[in-house]
Protein backbone atom coordinates (compact mmCIF):
# COMPACT_ATOMS: atom_id res chain seq x y z
CA MET A 1 0.03 0.08 0.00
CA ASN A 2 1.36 3.39 -0.96
CA LYS A 3 1.87 5.85 2.01
CA LEU A 4 1.51 9.56 2.47
CA LEU A 5 5.33 10.40 3.25
CA THR A 6 6.28 13.55 5.05
CA ILE A 7 8.97 15.62 3.22
CA ASP A 8 10.63 19.06 4.05
CA ASP A 9 13.03 21.45 2.21
CA ARG A 10 15.80 18.99 2.30
CA GLN A 11 13.92 16.60 0.02
CA ILE A 12 13.26 19.23 -2.80
CA SER A 13 15.82 17.63 -5.08
CA ASP A 14 14.46 14.10 -4.48
CA LEU A 15 10.90 15.41 -5.31
CA LEU A 16 11.98 17.21 -8.61
CA GLN A 17 13.90 14.02 -9.67
CA ALA A 18 11.05 11.55 -8.74
CA GLN A 19 9.76 9.28 -11.52
CA GLY A 20 6.18 9.47 -12.53
CA LEU A 21 3.39 11.51 -10.90
CA THR A 22 3.80 12.93 -7.37
CA VAL A 23 1.08 14.59 -5.51
CA VAL A 24 2.15 16.94 -2.72
CA LEU A 25 -0.13 18.31 -0.05
CA ILE A 26 1.42 21.46 1.65
CA THR A 27 -0.52 22.26 4.88
CA SER A 28 -0.09 23.25 8.52
CA PRO A 29 -1.27 21.53 11.65
CA TRP A 30 -3.57 24.63 12.45
CA ASP A 31 -5.23 24.49 8.94
CA GLY A 32 -8.61 22.81 9.31
CA ASN A 33 -8.83 22.39 5.51
CA GLY A 34 -5.49 20.86 5.43
CA ILE A 35 -6.41 18.38 8.07
CA ILE A 36 -9.34 17.32 5.86
CA LEU A 37 -7.14 17.16 2.83
CA ARG A 38 -4.56 14.91 4.59
CA SER A 39 -7.22 12.44 5.28
CA ILE A 40 -8.40 12.46 1.59
CA MET A 41 -4.73 12.21 0.38
CA GLU A 42 -4.27 9.07 2.69
CA GLY A 43 -7.29 7.48 1.06
CA LEU A 44 -6.07 8.28 -2.34
CA ALA A 45 -2.62 6.98 -1.65
CA GLY A 46 -4.20 3.59 -0.90
CA ARG A 47 -6.05 3.79 -4.14
CA TYR A 48 -3.40 5.02 -6.72
CA HIS A 49 -0.36 2.74 -6.03
CA LYS A 50 1.71 4.19 -8.96
CA VAL A 51 1.54 7.72 -7.75
CA ASN A 52 3.94 9.16 -5.09
CA PHE A 53 2.15 10.94 -2.35
CA ARG A 54 3.95 13.45 -0.05
CA VAL A 55 2.96 15.86 2.48
CA ALA A 56 4.83 18.96 3.79
CA ASP A 57 4.39 21.39 6.55
CA TYR A 58 4.02 25.05 5.20
CA GLU A 59 6.05 26.56 8.13
CA ASN A 60 8.93 24.06 7.82
CA CYS A 61 9.12 24.31 4.01
CA PRO A 62 9.57 27.76 3.01
CA ARG A 63 11.67 27.10 -0.05
CA LEU A 64 9.32 24.38 -1.33
CA ALA A 65 6.32 26.89 -0.88
CA ARG A 66 8.34 29.53 -2.72
CA LEU A 67 9.53 27.30 -5.51
CA PHE A 68 5.82 26.42 -6.38
CA ASN A 69 4.38 29.99 -5.52
CA LEU A 70 2.16 28.78 -2.87
CA MET A 71 1.35 31.76 -0.60
CA SER A 72 -0.64 30.09 2.15
CA PRO A 73 -1.82 26.57 3.00
CA PRO A 74 -3.46 24.42 2.01
CA GLY A 75 -2.07 23.61 -1.36
CA ILE A 76 -1.88 20.51 -3.58
CA LEU A 77 0.68 20.25 -6.30
CA LEU A 78 0.69 17.62 -9.06
CA ILE A 79 4.28 17.22 -10.36
CA ARG A 80 5.77 14.96 -12.97
CA GLU A 81 9.53 14.56 -13.19
CA GLY A 82 10.15 18.16 -11.81
CA GLU A 83 7.57 19.97 -13.72
CA MET A 84 4.38 21.20 -12.02
CA LEU A 85 1.31 20.09 -13.84
CA GLU A 86 -1.33 21.58 -11.48
CA ARG A 87 -1.57 23.71 -8.28
CA LEU A 88 -4.67 23.79 -6.27
CA THR A 89 -5.31 26.01 -3.20
CA GLY A 90 -7.89 26.05 -0.59
CA PRO A 91 -10.29 23.27 0.00
CA VAL A 92 -10.62 20.70 -2.75
CA SER A 93 -12.83 17.78 -3.12
CA ALA A 94 -11.54 14.20 -3.27
CA GLY A 95 -13.30 13.73 -6.72
CA LYS A 96 -11.41 16.78 -8.27
CA ILE A 97 -8.04 15.42 -6.86
CA SER A 98 -8.95 11.91 -8.24
CA ALA A 99 -9.99 13.33 -11.66
CA LEU A 100 -6.65 15.40 -11.92
CA ILE A 101 -4.64 12.28 -11.10
CA GLN A 102 -6.42 10.10 -13.61
CA GLN A 103 -5.83 12.87 -16.34
CA ALA A 104 -2.08 13.23 -15.33
CA ALA A 105 -1.47 9.40 -15.22
């Protein structure tokens, strides 16, 4: 089963070099929408085994947030081999995230 792995700024290089599709949730512990999105992402990670799922804390990842122009949490990034395909901000439904994963896969 695929897991939602936690990353920080030290893994930016790994993130940009990862093969295939990577979905990154950037959130904060105080962000209610981010807490819900984390739960959604955990469910999707169990469903899409060929997709890399990552989560990063906004306050602990300022370089990552700047790199992808994310001004405030929550944000979801779809990245393939270093290229950002999609950036979503604010509350997003599981259906929308799933549809974007299917389109990108």
